[in-house]
Protein backbone atom coordinates (compact mmCIF):
# COMPACT_ATOMS: atom_id res chain seq x y z
CA MET A 1 -23.06 53.19 31.56
CA ASN A 2 -23.96 49.80 32.04
CA LYS A 3 -27.28 50.39 30.46
CA GLY A 4 -25.50 52.04 27.33
CA PHE A 5 -23.20 48.83 27.01
CA MET A 6 -26.13 46.69 27.24
CA MET A 7 -28.03 48.51 24.28
CA LEU A 8 -24.98 48.19 22.26
CA PHE A 9 -24.61 44.37 22.88
CA VAL A 10 -28.29 43.80 22.14
CA ALA A 11 -27.93 45.79 18.78
CA ALA A 12 -24.75 43.77 17.92
CA LEU A 13 -26.78 40.48 18.37
CA VAL A 14 -29.47 41.81 16.06
CA PHE A 15 -27.43 42.53 13.31
CA LEU A 16 -24.93 39.53 13.35
CA PRO A 17 -25.22 37.46 10.21
CA GLY A 18 -25.97 33.72 10.39
CA CYS A 19 -23.39 31.05 10.06
CA GLY A 20 -24.66 29.59 6.77
CA PHE A 21 -24.70 26.10 8.15
CA LYS A 22 -26.85 23.51 6.14
CA ASP A 23 -28.19 20.37 7.47
CA ILE A 24 -27.25 16.85 6.36
CA ASP A 25 -30.48 16.62 4.63
CA LYS A 26 -29.88 19.57 2.56
CA ARG A 27 -26.48 18.28 1.31
CA PHE A 28 -25.51 16.00 -1.63
CA LEU A 29 -22.36 14.06 -0.29
CA VAL A 30 -19.91 13.63 -3.31
CA VAL A 31 -18.41 9.94 -3.01
CA ALA A 32 -16.42 10.18 -6.23
CA ILE A 33 -14.98 12.86 -8.78
CA GLY A 34 -14.27 11.99 -12.41
CA VAL A 35 -12.28 14.35 -14.62
CA ASP A 36 -12.37 13.67 -18.36
CA GLN A 37 -11.14 15.64 -21.26
CA GLY A 38 -14.14 17.47 -22.68
CA VAL A 39 -15.57 17.37 -26.13
CA GLU A 40 -16.52 21.19 -26.47
CA LYS A 41 -14.79 22.38 -23.35
CA LYS A 42 -11.40 21.74 -21.74
CA TYR A 43 -12.90 19.31 -18.95
CA ASP A 44 -15.66 17.12 -18.58
CA VAL A 45 -16.38 16.82 -14.84
CA THR A 46 -18.49 14.04 -13.30
CA LEU A 47 -19.65 13.70 -9.63
CA LYS A 48 -21.15 10.66 -8.06
CA LEU A 49 -23.61 11.78 -5.48
CA ILE A 50 -24.82 9.41 -2.52
CA ILE A 51 -28.80 9.00 -2.37
CA PRO A 52 -29.28 8.03 1.38
CA THR A 53 -31.38 4.87 1.81
CA THR A 54 -32.34 2.54 4.74
CA LEU A 55 -31.46 -0.35 2.45
CA THR A 56 -27.76 -1.78 2.55
CA GLU A 57 -28.43 -4.83 0.28
CA PRO A 58 -25.96 -5.84 -2.39
CA GLY A 59 -26.81 -4.31 -5.59
CA LYS A 60 -29.31 -1.86 -3.88
CA SER A 61 -26.83 1.26 -3.74
CA LYS A 62 -28.45 4.59 -4.92
CA TYR A 63 -26.62 7.31 -6.49
CA GLN A 64 -26.85 10.26 -8.70
CA LEU A 65 -24.30 11.09 -11.65
CA VAL A 66 -23.94 14.91 -12.46
CA SER A 67 -21.80 15.90 -15.37
CA LYS A 68 -20.83 19.22 -16.90
CA GLU A 69 -18.25 20.45 -19.48
CA ALA A 70 -16.33 23.73 -18.72
CA ASP A 71 -12.97 25.21 -19.39
CA SER A 72 -12.10 24.89 -15.59
CA ILE A 73 -13.13 22.31 -12.81
CA SER A 74 -14.50 25.24 -10.76
CA GLU A 75 -16.54 26.37 -13.54
CA ALA A 76 -18.00 22.87 -14.06
CA LEU A 77 -18.89 22.63 -10.32
CA GLU A 78 -20.56 25.96 -10.21
CA LEU A 79 -22.70 24.89 -13.27
CA MET A 80 -23.72 21.47 -11.65
CA ARG A 81 -25.06 23.46 -8.48
CA SER A 82 -27.80 24.40 -10.71
CA ASP A 83 -28.74 20.79 -11.68
CA VAL A 84 -29.24 19.65 -7.99
CA ASP A 85 -31.45 20.92 -5.23
CA LYS A 86 -28.90 20.46 -2.36
CA GLN A 87 -25.53 21.81 -1.57
CA LEU A 88 -22.60 19.89 -3.00
CA ASP A 89 -20.36 18.48 -0.23
CA LEU A 90 -16.89 17.68 -1.42
CA GLY A 91 -15.52 16.64 1.95
CA HIS A 92 -16.70 13.00 1.75
CA ALA A 93 -15.20 12.37 -1.69
CA LYS A 94 -12.89 9.22 -1.39
CA VAL A 95 -11.80 8.77 -4.97
CA THR A 96 -10.72 10.84 -7.92
CA ILE A 97 -10.44 9.47 -11.28
CA PHE A 98 -8.76 11.01 -14.30
CA GLY A 99 -9.42 9.90 -18.01
CA LYS A 100 -6.45 8.62 -19.88
CA LYS A 101 -6.49 11.28 -22.51
CA LEU A 102 -6.20 14.00 -19.97
CA VAL A 103 -3.37 12.48 -18.09
CA GLN A 104 -1.25 12.21 -21.24
CA GLU A 105 -0.89 16.04 -21.15
CA ASP A 106 0.44 18.10 -18.20
CA ILE A 107 -1.31 16.52 -15.32
CA THR A 108 0.19 19.24 -12.78
CA LYS A 109 -2.48 21.70 -13.85
CA HIS A 110 -5.33 19.28 -13.01
CA ILE A 111 -3.79 18.18 -9.70
CA ASP A 112 -3.28 21.79 -8.53
CA TRP A 113 -6.85 22.34 -8.42
CA PHE A 114 -7.47 19.35 -6.10
CA ILE A 115 -4.69 20.43 -3.62
CA ARG A 116 -5.94 24.14 -3.43
CA ARG A 117 -9.54 23.63 -3.46
CA ARG A 118 -11.13 23.89 0.03
CA GLY A 119 -13.05 20.78 1.23
CA VAL A 120 -11.12 18.41 -0.73
CA GLN A 121 -9.39 15.81 1.28
CA ARG A 122 -5.71 14.99 0.45
CA ILE A 123 -6.19 11.45 1.58
CA GLU A 124 -8.46 10.73 -1.58
CA TYR A 125 -7.46 7.78 -3.67
CA VAL A 126 -6.43 8.79 -7.23
CA ALA A 127 -6.56 6.67 -10.40
CA VAL A 128 -6.68 6.68 -14.25
CA ALA A 129 -9.61 5.47 -16.12
CA GLU A 130 -8.73 3.22 -19.10
CA SER A 131 -11.60 4.76 -21.22
CA SER A 132 -13.27 7.63 -19.27
CA ALA A 133 -13.97 8.60 -15.72
CA LYS A 134 -17.57 8.95 -16.16
CA GLU A 135 -17.77 5.35 -17.50
CA ILE A 136 -15.99 4.19 -14.30
CA LEU A 137 -18.31 6.30 -12.06
CA ALA A 138 -21.40 5.07 -13.81
CA LEU A 139 -20.85 1.47 -12.99
CA SER A 140 -22.24 -0.09 -9.78
CA GLN A 141 -21.25 -3.61 -9.13
CA LYS A 142 -23.79 -6.21 -8.06
CA SER A 143 -22.01 -6.56 -4.80
CA GLU A 144 -22.02 -2.95 -3.96
CA ARG A 145 -24.00 -1.93 -0.98
CA LEU A 146 -23.02 1.78 -0.72
CA ALA A 147 -22.51 3.83 -3.62
CA GLY A 148 -18.75 3.89 -4.75
CA ASN A 149 -17.76 1.40 -1.99
CA SER A 150 -16.34 -1.10 -4.40
CA LEU A 151 -13.45 1.35 -5.23
CA ILE A 152 -12.94 2.40 -1.77
CA LEU A 153 -12.59 -1.35 -0.54
CA SER A 154 -10.30 -2.01 -3.34
CA PHE A 155 -7.74 0.66 -2.72
CA GLY A 156 -8.10 0.62 0.99
CA ARG A 157 -7.37 -3.01 1.31
CA GLU A 158 -10.24 -3.31 3.83
CA GLY A 159 -11.84 -5.81 1.37
CA THR A 160 -9.47 -7.41 -1.21
CA GLU A 161 -5.85 -7.56 -0.82
CA SER A 162 -4.41 -7.89 -4.25
CA PRO A 163 -0.80 -7.93 -4.88
CA PHE A 164 -1.83 -6.46 -8.42
CA ILE A 165 -3.63 -3.25 -6.91
CA ILE A 166 -1.31 -0.37 -6.07
CA THR A 167 -3.07 2.26 -3.99
CA GLU A 168 -2.00 6.08 -4.38
CA TYR A 169 -3.19 9.01 -2.46
CA LEU A 170 -3.77 12.71 -3.88
CA TYR A 171 -1.10 13.82 -1.31
CA ASP A 172 1.54 11.39 -2.20
CA PHE A 173 1.11 11.97 -5.91
CA TYR A 174 1.23 15.78 -5.50
CA GLU A 175 4.71 15.35 -3.34
CA ARG A 176 5.97 13.13 -6.00
CA LEU A 177 5.38 15.76 -8.75
CA LEU A 178 7.58 18.18 -6.75
CA GLU A 179 10.05 15.80 -5.04
CA LYS A 180 13.24 15.21 -6.84
CA GLY A 181 14.34 11.58 -7.37
CA LYS A 182 10.77 10.18 -6.88
CA ASP A 183 8.62 9.94 -9.68
CA PRO A 184 4.56 9.84 -9.47
CA PHE A 185 2.16 6.75 -10.29
CA MET A 186 -1.61 5.82 -10.42
CA PRO A 187 -3.40 2.70 -10.82
CA ILE A 188 -5.66 1.97 -13.74
CA ILE A 189 -9.03 1.00 -13.82
CA ARG A 190 -10.99 -0.39 -16.55
CA ILE A 191 -14.37 -2.25 -16.96
CA ARG A 192 -14.58 -5.91 -17.86
CA GLU A 193 -17.98 -7.63 -17.80
CA ASN A 194 -19.73 -5.30 -15.60
CA THR A 195 -16.88 -5.37 -12.94
CA TYR A 196 -13.79 -3.19 -12.17
CA GLU A 197 -10.10 -4.61 -13.43
CA ILE A 198 -7.56 -2.99 -11.42
CA ASN A 199 -4.04 -4.85 -12.21
CA ARG A 200 -2.04 -2.37 -14.13
CA VAL A 201 -0.31 1.02 -12.98
CA ALA A 202 0.44 4.19 -15.08
CA LEU A 203 4.06 5.55 -14.34
CA PHE A 204 4.56 9.50 -14.80
CA ASP A 205 7.49 11.80 -15.03
CA LYS A 206 6.97 15.14 -13.51
CA LYS A 207 4.25 16.06 -15.90
CA ARG A 208 2.64 13.30 -18.03
CA LEU A 209 1.93 9.62 -18.23
CA ARG A 210 5.04 7.85 -19.72
CA LEU A 211 4.79 4.00 -19.27
CA ILE A 212 1.94 1.47 -18.44
CA LEU A 213 3.04 -1.59 -16.62
CA GLU A 214 1.42 -4.86 -17.51
CA PRO A 215 -0.28 -7.02 -14.63
CA GLN A 216 3.05 -9.16 -13.71
CA GLN A 217 5.17 -5.96 -13.78
CA THR A 218 2.67 -3.98 -11.54
CA ARG A 219 2.98 -7.15 -9.13
CA ILE A 220 6.60 -6.59 -9.09
CA LEU A 221 6.47 -2.86 -8.49
CA ASN A 222 4.00 -3.50 -5.65
CA GLN A 223 6.59 -5.78 -4.09
CA LEU A 224 9.41 -3.35 -4.43
CA MET A 225 7.40 -0.38 -3.15
CA TYR A 226 5.50 -1.71 -0.15
CA LYS A 227 7.20 -5.21 0.38
CA HIS A 228 3.84 -6.89 -0.17
CA PRO A 229 4.41 -10.24 1.45
CA ARG A 230 1.83 -12.44 -0.20
CA PHE A 231 1.98 -13.13 -3.84
CA GLU A 232 2.50 -15.91 -6.46
CA ALA A 233 5.59 -16.34 -8.65
CA ARG A 234 5.15 -18.49 -11.66
CA VAL A 235 8.60 -20.45 -12.45
CA THR A 236 8.62 -21.82 -15.90
CA GLU A 237 11.70 -23.79 -17.22
CA GLU A 238 12.32 -26.67 -19.62
CA ASN A 239 11.86 -29.34 -17.12
CA LEU A 240 10.37 -27.59 -14.30
CA ARG A 241 6.88 -25.82 -14.17
CA TYR A 242 5.11 -24.63 -10.72
CA SER A 243 3.74 -21.79 -8.75
CA LEU A 244 5.50 -20.47 -5.77
CA THR A 245 3.28 -19.19 -3.05
CA VAL A 246 5.42 -16.66 -1.24
CA HIS A 247 4.94 -16.04 2.63
CA LYS A 248 7.88 -13.94 3.62
CA TYR A 249 9.64 -11.22 1.44
CA ASN A 250 12.19 -8.66 2.06
CA TYR A 251 14.86 -6.96 0.27
CA ARG A 252 17.59 -4.11 0.41
CA TYR A 253 19.47 -2.31 -2.12
CA LYS A 254 22.59 -0.26 -2.32
CA ILE A 255 23.57 2.30 -4.79
CA ASN A 256 27.21 1.51 -5.61
CA THR A 257 29.26 4.47 -7.34
CA SER A 258 32.75 3.42 -5.76
CA ASN A 259 33.77 1.66 -9.09
CA GLN A 260 35.73 3.84 -11.51
CA GLY A 261 33.53 2.24 -14.33
CA ARG A 262 29.65 1.80 -14.44
CA PRO A 263 27.65 2.60 -11.36
CA SER A 264 25.27 0.04 -10.19
CA ILE A 265 22.31 -0.66 -7.87
CA ASP A 266 22.79 -4.06 -6.24
CA PHE A 267 19.71 -5.71 -4.72
CA VAL A 268 19.36 -8.60 -2.46
CA VAL A 269 16.16 -10.32 -2.39
CA ASN A 270 14.99 -12.74 0.26
CA VAL A 271 11.94 -15.13 -0.38
CA LYS A 272 10.29 -17.95 1.41
CA GLY A 273 7.33 -19.82 0.12
CA THR A 274 5.85 -23.28 -0.90
CA ALA A 275 5.91 -24.68 -4.18
CA GLU A 276 2.33 -25.25 -5.36
CA GLU A 277 0.49 -26.32 -8.45
CA SER A 278 3.38 -28.21 -9.99
CA GLU A 279 3.11 -30.26 -13.23
CA GLU A 280 5.15 -33.16 -11.77
CA ILE A 281 5.82 -34.52 -8.31
CA PHE A 282 8.69 -33.41 -6.24
CA PHE A 283 9.17 -35.99 -3.93
CA ASN A 284 12.37 -37.36 -5.31
CA ARG A 285 13.77 -34.16 -6.55
CA SER A 286 16.17 -31.97 -4.89
CA TRP A 287 14.89 -28.83 -3.42
CA GLY A 288 17.92 -27.00 -4.27
CA GLU A 289 17.18 -27.32 -7.88
CA ILE A 290 13.76 -26.10 -7.21
CA GLU A 291 14.74 -23.19 -5.50
CA GLN A 292 17.41 -22.14 -7.97
CA ALA A 293 14.80 -22.22 -10.67
CA ALA A 294 12.64 -19.86 -8.83
CA GLU A 295 15.70 -17.48 -8.17
CA ARG A 296 16.48 -17.35 -11.90
CA SER A 297 12.89 -16.57 -12.77
CA ILE A 298 12.46 -14.03 -10.23
CA GLU A 299 15.70 -12.26 -11.01
CA LYS A 300 14.78 -12.14 -14.88
CA SER A 301 11.22 -10.56 -14.11
CA TYR A 302 12.90 -7.87 -11.78
CA LEU A 303 15.58 -6.91 -14.37
CA GLU A 304 13.23 -6.63 -17.10
CA LEU A 305 10.90 -4.18 -14.88
CA LEU A 306 13.98 -2.16 -13.50
CA ASN A 307 15.74 -1.66 -16.98
CA SER A 308 12.12 -0.78 -18.58
CA MET A 309 11.89 2.08 -16.08
CA LYS A 310 15.34 3.21 -16.52
CA LYS A 311 15.08 3.39 -20.22
CA ARG A 312 12.35 5.94 -19.90
CA GLN A 313 14.08 7.76 -17.06
CA LEU A 314 11.43 6.92 -14.61
CA ASP A 315 11.88 6.52 -10.82
CA PRO A 316 8.80 5.56 -8.70
CA LEU A 317 11.17 3.56 -6.20
CA GLY A 318 13.05 6.59 -5.24
CA PHE A 319 16.66 5.67 -6.14
CA GLY A 320 17.54 9.28 -6.90
CA LEU A 321 15.96 10.44 -3.64
CA ARG A 322 18.08 7.86 -1.73
CA TYR A 323 21.19 9.06 -3.70
CA ILE A 324 20.99 12.80 -2.62
CA ALA A 325 19.74 11.92 0.56
CA THR A 326 22.88 9.90 1.43
CA ARG A 327 25.22 12.65 0.10
CA HIS A 328 25.74 16.29 1.14
CA GLY A 329 26.21 18.35 -2.27
CA GLY A 330 22.64 19.38 -2.59
CA ASP A 331 21.57 20.31 -6.12
CA LYS A 332 24.99 19.24 -7.18
CA ASP A 333 24.11 15.63 -6.22
CA TRP A 334 20.77 15.99 -8.11
CA GLU A 335 22.23 16.90 -11.21
CA GLU A 336 24.98 14.26 -10.84
CA TRP A 337 22.45 11.63 -10.42
CA ARG A 338 20.43 12.75 -13.48
CA LYS A 339 23.62 11.71 -15.50
CA LEU A 340 24.33 8.45 -13.64
CA TYR A 341 20.85 7.02 -13.64
CA PRO A 342 20.87 5.98 -17.55
CA LEU A 343 24.21 4.33 -16.91
CA VAL A 344 23.15 2.32 -13.91
CA GLU A 345 23.59 -1.53 -14.10
CA PHE A 346 21.20 -3.33 -12.04
CA ASN A 347 22.34 -6.50 -10.16
CA VAL A 348 19.64 -8.70 -8.56
CA LYS A 349 20.50 -11.54 -6.35
CA VAL A 350 17.46 -13.62 -5.13
CA ASN A 351 17.60 -16.09 -2.21
CA VAL A 352 14.52 -18.70 -2.31
CA THR A 353 14.04 -20.73 0.57
CA LEU A 354 11.47 -23.45 0.04
CA GLU A 355 9.24 -24.40 3.03
CA GLY A 356 7.53 -27.37 1.51
CA THR A 357 6.26 -28.62 -1.94
CA GLY A 358 2.65 -28.46 -1.14
CA GLU A 359 2.31 -32.35 -1.64
CA ILE A 360 1.35 -34.92 0.59
CA LYS A 361 2.97 -38.59 0.16
């Protein structure tokens, strides 16, 4: 019986199929994916492929772009397989960029593929291209050592830490599409003089792009979303102009519906910083006057942003989520919030503490 068992075991080994594993030198690592609106087909999909090299000098990064038009993203990938000599590996993709024309339609159809597709990481950075995703991927900065590394360093805060850059991940964007009371967003990338310019953000409702914020509004949204502590605030009044460099920043807010009249969202913002680059000397001037000017300037900019988002029924900060999370009515609370949000009045109280004038007497 043992002899028969051994014969069956050997036969099973002979007929076992291989695992289909491919070595790293037989794979093309995809570092970035671009999806644009096609000319003849629905999609124009572009992949940025890394070409391994022993050189890691600035401006010496090597890559290959492959692009195909198709009526689905999966079909475009299948067509691109015949254009390369190695297996396409999506597991190393770090950035996915969507063309601006594409996100003005129903973006849920496009995001759904990336969530369901095997091998695609949900921790990818997602962004919108001002012109086309293909143009963004085709650019290689002079400082870039590895293909696509400039975008990865910008969004990952491993390199620059700009208050104008808002990072968004694929998983978070998808959750915001489904979450009640919290709307999605993406940073916008455009090319300026052979470099990337990332200082604006696109706000979405649950389907498509609705509002593009200017750089200063993007900076404020970054502060409100992530409490980014280091930024510059420009104060401009008739007899007082200077830049406030913020070192410490924090805020809290409360949704107030206890009044019988108009509901309100009350912010208290605490800022500590140093006055820099003033157009006049502050030696003999009261610091209280300087602080009050900064408070008025910050309050005005916050109210402009908050009211602009409310006007378009956009809520990337999650006021609606806070509202339904602190009550117990379920769907009834959500329907109630949808009626309250257009009526909300924002009250912003800013407390500025000046730690110095930045001047030496």
